Amino acid sequence: MKLFDIDGPVMRGLSLVSDLVMLNLITLLFCLPVITAGASLTSMHAMVMKFHTGDTGHIFRNFWKEFKGNLKKSTVIWIFVLVIIVLLFIDLELLKNSGSVLPTQMKIPFYALAFFVFIFYLNLMPYMAKFENTIRGSLKNALLLTIGAFPRTIGMALIVIAAILAVFLYPILVPVYVALGLSVPAYLCAYLYMPIFRKINKNAFGDAPEEETTESGESPNGSGESAENEAEAGSDQNTAACEDLSGTE
């Protein structure tokens, strides 16, 4: 195989970059209403997992399918996370404006909680993109993932923080961030969380085919009440598999 063949590494790399650029722009577009940002970011993770498995297809059509499936649950959780962030910010500002010098040790709990919410959401987005579950089950299992796969979680946090810091330190990179600032970190993070998801699948469902046991936004057995019942049934299996991670990571 020659380097510049249509199936060669250079052309595959260029194709991946173009797909990531398109995915990044679509994600930013669907984040603009702010309220839909949670569903947009979750759908982005569903797409990068498809990129990793070679199941790219039509990017906008697949993104839109994921977005519609994730909209309700992702938006509810996104609002919940935003409320926590706003409350933390308000509390910190009230302490700053209280007229007394705020000791450093009083700031630490706020920063620690904010960081934990950040890394928790880093696990929650791809989990919801991968597994059909209830809101409560998704929150619980994402928490178990954050703790049970903590080294990988920190790795994901470092990837995302590095991308954000690069823009603040070098504003000239803003156009690059607009083109690739969300999709590339998500694609790199997938190298860390996809092995965990495969382990969850194996522990929860044995050797069942992955496409039959995991689905983003839709249930393979239908919709409505049957999908809700399946999500509740799969919640306990996923929770048990997530709990097993604490002893293996």
Protein backbone atom coordinates (compact mmCIF):
# COMPACT_ATOMS: atom_id res chain seq x y z
CA MET A 1 0.00 0.00 0.00
CA LYS A 2 1.43 3.36 -1.07
CA LEU A 3 1.48 6.28 1.33
CA PHE A 4 -0.88 8.46 -0.73
CA ASP A 5 -3.26 5.75 -1.96
CA ILE A 6 -6.96 6.36 -1.41
CA ASP A 7 -6.86 3.81 1.41
CA GLY A 8 -3.41 4.88 2.61
CA PRO A 9 -2.66 6.46 6.00
CA VAL A 10 -2.41 10.01 4.66
CA MET A 11 -5.81 9.98 2.98
CA ARG A 12 -7.43 8.24 5.95
CA GLY A 13 -5.91 10.86 8.25
CA LEU A 14 -7.17 13.73 6.08
CA SER A 15 -10.62 12.14 5.94
CA LEU A 16 -10.70 11.84 9.73
CA VAL A 17 -9.66 15.48 10.17
CA SER A 18 -12.38 16.65 7.79
CA ASP A 19 -14.95 14.54 9.65
CA LEU A 20 -13.80 15.99 12.98
CA VAL A 21 -14.02 19.54 11.63
CA MET A 22 -17.57 18.95 10.40
CA LEU A 23 -18.53 17.31 13.70
CA ASN A 24 -17.04 20.21 15.68
CA LEU A 25 -18.95 22.82 13.69
CA ILE A 26 -22.23 20.91 14.01
CA THR A 27 -21.67 20.50 17.76
CA LEU A 28 -21.01 24.21 18.21
CA LEU A 29 -24.09 25.06 16.16
CA PHE A 30 -26.33 22.89 18.35
CA CYS A 31 -24.68 24.31 21.49
CA LEU A 32 -25.67 27.88 20.59
CA PRO A 33 -29.08 27.80 22.33
CA VAL A 34 -27.08 26.83 25.48
CA ILE A 35 -30.03 24.83 26.80
CA THR A 36 -29.34 22.18 24.16
CA ALA A 37 -25.58 22.09 24.79
CA GLY A 38 -25.83 18.95 26.91
CA ALA A 39 -27.58 16.98 24.17
CA SER A 40 -25.15 18.37 21.58
CA LEU A 41 -22.05 17.34 23.53
CA THR A 42 -23.51 13.92 24.27
CA SER A 43 -24.28 13.40 20.58
CA MET A 44 -20.74 14.46 19.72
CA HIS A 45 -19.40 11.63 21.90
CA ALA A 46 -21.75 9.18 20.19
CA MET A 47 -20.27 10.26 16.87
CA VAL A 48 -16.60 10.02 17.89
CA MET A 49 -17.28 6.47 19.07
CA LYS A 50 -18.61 5.76 15.58
CA PHE A 51 -15.42 7.27 14.14
CA HIS A 52 -13.35 4.88 16.24
CA THR A 53 -15.27 1.87 14.94
CA GLY A 54 -15.22 3.08 11.33
CA ASP A 55 -19.00 3.61 11.26
CA THR A 56 -18.89 7.23 10.11
CA GLY A 57 -21.72 7.37 7.58
CA HIS A 58 -23.50 10.66 6.97
CA ILE A 59 -22.26 12.88 9.80
CA PHE A 60 -25.09 15.40 10.04
CA ARG A 61 -27.83 12.78 9.63
CA ASN A 62 -26.31 10.53 12.29
CA PHE A 63 -25.67 13.48 14.62
CA TRP A 64 -29.27 14.61 14.26
CA LYS A 65 -30.51 11.10 15.06
CA GLU A 66 -28.35 10.99 18.19
CA PHE A 67 -29.39 14.51 19.16
CA LYS A 68 -33.10 13.74 18.99
CA GLY A 69 -32.62 10.57 21.01
CA ASN A 70 -30.51 12.30 23.67
CA LEU A 71 -32.38 15.60 23.86
CA LYS A 72 -34.77 14.94 26.75
CA LYS A 73 -32.52 13.17 29.25
CA SER A 74 -29.36 15.11 28.36
CA THR A 75 -31.13 18.46 28.70
CA VAL A 76 -32.56 17.59 32.13
CA ILE A 77 -29.11 16.60 33.39
CA TRP A 78 -27.44 19.58 31.70
CA ILE A 79 -29.81 21.98 33.50
CA PHE A 80 -29.04 20.19 36.78
CA VAL A 81 -25.29 20.62 36.19
CA LEU A 82 -25.72 24.29 35.22
CA VAL A 83 -27.67 24.95 38.42
CA ILE A 84 -24.84 23.46 40.50
CA ILE A 85 -22.25 25.56 38.67
CA VAL A 86 -24.29 28.76 39.09
CA LEU A 87 -24.83 28.10 42.79
CA LEU A 88 -21.11 27.48 43.31
CA PHE A 89 -20.27 30.70 41.49
CA ILE A 90 -22.82 32.73 43.48
CA ASP A 91 -21.57 31.33 46.81
CA LEU A 92 -17.97 32.12 45.90
CA GLU A 93 -18.86 35.66 44.82
CA LEU A 94 -20.83 36.26 48.03
CA LEU A 95 -17.83 35.18 50.08
CA LYS A 96 -15.54 37.43 48.06
CA ASN A 97 -17.83 40.44 48.54
CA SER A 98 -18.47 39.82 52.24
CA GLY A 99 -15.98 42.55 53.20
CA SER A 100 -13.40 40.20 54.67
CA VAL A 101 -10.37 38.62 53.06
CA LEU A 102 -11.30 35.12 51.88
CA PRO A 103 -8.71 32.63 53.18
CA THR A 104 -7.30 30.27 50.58
CA GLN A 105 -8.43 27.23 52.55
CA MET A 106 -12.05 28.44 52.24
CA LYS A 107 -11.76 28.51 48.46
CA ILE A 108 -10.46 24.96 48.18
CA PRO A 109 -13.82 23.20 48.80
CA PHE A 110 -15.47 25.28 46.06
CA TYR A 111 -12.73 24.56 43.53
CA ALA A 112 -12.65 20.87 44.51
CA LEU A 113 -16.41 20.51 44.07
CA ALA A 114 -16.34 22.39 40.76
CA PHE A 115 -13.56 20.11 39.51
CA PHE A 116 -15.46 17.01 40.59
CA VAL A 117 -18.60 18.18 38.77
CA PHE A 118 -16.41 18.75 35.71
CA ILE A 119 -14.86 15.27 35.68
CA PHE A 120 -18.22 13.69 36.55
CA TYR A 121 -19.80 15.30 33.50
CA LEU A 122 -16.86 14.16 31.37
CA ASN A 123 -17.89 10.58 32.16
CA LEU A 124 -21.62 11.22 32.02
CA MET A 125 -21.70 12.49 28.42
CA PRO A 126 -20.11 9.45 26.75
CA TYR A 127 -21.94 7.07 29.11
CA MET A 128 -25.31 8.48 28.04
CA ALA A 129 -24.21 8.39 24.42
CA LYS A 130 -23.33 4.70 24.70
CA PHE A 131 -25.84 3.13 27.08
CA GLU A 132 -29.61 3.21 27.26
CA ASN A 133 -30.53 3.94 30.86
CA THR A 134 -32.78 6.02 33.09
CA ILE A 135 -31.65 9.48 34.24
CA ARG A 136 -31.11 8.18 37.76
CA GLY A 137 -29.22 5.14 36.50
CA SER A 138 -27.04 7.27 34.23
CA LEU A 139 -26.13 9.63 37.07
CA LYS A 140 -25.31 6.76 39.41
CA ASN A 141 -23.22 4.84 36.90
CA ALA A 142 -21.36 7.95 35.73
CA LEU A 143 -20.45 8.58 39.36
CA LEU A 144 -19.21 4.99 39.69
CA LEU A 145 -17.16 5.45 36.51
CA THR A 146 -15.66 8.69 37.79
CA ILE A 147 -14.47 6.95 40.95
CA GLY A 148 -13.81 3.44 39.66
CA ALA A 149 -11.88 4.57 36.58
CA PHE A 150 -10.31 7.60 38.24
CA PRO A 151 -6.89 7.47 36.48
CA ARG A 152 -8.62 7.43 33.08
CA THR A 153 -10.95 10.19 34.24
CA ILE A 154 -7.98 12.39 35.15
CA GLY A 155 -6.48 11.65 31.75
CA MET A 156 -9.67 12.83 30.07
CA ALA A 157 -9.70 15.97 32.23
CA LEU A 158 -6.12 16.78 31.27
CA ILE A 159 -6.94 16.45 27.57
CA VAL A 160 -9.92 18.82 27.78
CA ILE A 161 -8.16 21.31 30.07
CA ALA A 162 -5.12 21.38 27.78
CA ALA A 163 -7.34 22.31 24.82
CA ILE A 164 -9.01 25.10 26.80
CA LEU A 165 -5.74 26.47 28.20
CA ALA A 166 -4.18 26.51 24.73
CA VAL A 167 -6.82 28.99 23.56
CA PHE A 168 -6.45 31.22 26.64
CA LEU A 169 -2.66 31.26 26.40
CA TYR A 170 -2.54 31.60 22.61
CA PRO A 171 -5.62 33.49 21.32
CA ILE A 172 -4.35 33.02 17.79
CA LEU A 173 -5.56 29.41 18.11
CA VAL A 174 -9.22 30.46 18.39
CA PRO A 175 -9.95 29.54 14.73
CA VAL A 176 -8.38 26.13 15.35
CA TYR A 177 -10.56 25.68 18.42
CA VAL A 178 -13.66 26.60 16.43
CA ALA A 179 -12.71 23.95 13.88
CA LEU A 180 -11.43 21.19 16.17
CA GLY A 181 -11.52 22.32 19.81
CA LEU A 182 -14.37 20.06 20.91
CA SER A 183 -14.23 17.08 18.58
CA VAL A 184 -10.49 16.35 18.83
CA PRO A 185 -10.40 16.24 22.68
CA ALA A 186 -13.53 14.06 22.58
CA TYR A 187 -11.89 11.76 20.03
CA LEU A 188 -8.78 11.45 22.21
CA CYS A 189 -10.87 10.88 25.34
CA ALA A 190 -12.62 8.01 23.56
CA TYR A 191 -9.31 6.10 23.63
CA LEU A 192 -9.63 6.17 27.43
CA TYR A 193 -13.32 5.48 27.98
CA MET A 194 -14.10 3.02 25.18
CA PRO A 195 -12.08 0.16 26.79
CA ILE A 196 -14.05 0.79 30.00
CA PHE A 197 -17.34 0.62 28.09
CA ARG A 198 -16.32 -2.66 26.48
CA LYS A 199 -15.53 -4.01 29.94
CA ILE A 200 -18.95 -2.87 31.19
CA ASN A 201 -20.61 -4.61 28.25
CA LYS A 202 -18.73 -7.82 28.93
CA ASN A 203 -19.47 -7.79 32.66
CA ALA A 204 -23.13 -6.88 32.23
CA PHE A 205 -24.11 -8.83 29.15
CA GLY A 206 -21.45 -11.52 28.71
CA ASP A 207 -20.67 -12.23 25.07
CA ALA A 208 -23.84 -10.62 23.67
CA PRO A 209 -23.16 -8.48 20.57
CA GLU A 210 -22.45 -4.90 21.56
CA GLU A 211 -24.96 -3.37 19.18
CA GLU A 212 -27.74 -5.33 20.85
CA THR A 213 -26.86 -4.26 24.37
CA THR A 214 -25.94 -0.62 23.90
CA GLU A 215 -27.79 2.07 22.09
CA SER A 216 -27.77 5.87 22.17
CA GLY A 217 -31.13 7.53 22.46
CA GLU A 218 -33.11 4.58 21.16
CA SER A 219 -33.93 1.10 22.35
CA PRO A 220 -33.27 -1.75 19.95
CA ASN A 221 -36.60 -3.29 20.97
CA GLY A 222 -38.71 -0.27 20.20
CA SER A 223 -39.78 2.99 21.79
CA GLY A 224 -42.12 4.37 24.42
CA GLU A 225 -42.96 2.12 27.34
CA SER A 226 -40.95 -0.86 26.06
CA ALA A 227 -37.82 1.29 25.74
CA GLU A 228 -38.34 2.70 29.23
CA ASN A 229 -38.76 -0.78 30.69
CA GLU A 230 -35.60 -1.96 28.94
CA ALA A 231 -33.66 1.01 30.28
CA GLU A 232 -34.78 0.19 33.82
CA ALA A 233 -33.91 -3.49 33.37
CA GLY A 234 -30.48 -2.68 31.99
CA SER A 235 -29.76 -0.15 34.73
CA ASP A 236 -29.06 -2.78 37.39
CA GLN A 237 -26.81 -4.75 35.03
CA ASN A 238 -24.82 -1.66 34.09
CA THR A 239 -24.59 -0.54 37.71
CA ALA A 240 -23.18 -3.90 38.80
CA ALA A 241 -20.67 -3.77 35.95
CA CYS A 242 -19.66 -0.21 36.87
CA GLU A 243 -19.22 -1.19 40.50
CA ASP A 244 -16.84 -3.95 39.42
CA LEU A 245 -14.50 -1.30 37.94
CA SER A 246 -13.38 -0.10 41.36
CA GLY A 247 -11.61 -3.37 41.93
CA THR A 248 -10.00 -3.62 38.51
CA GLU A 249 -8.75 -0.11 37.69
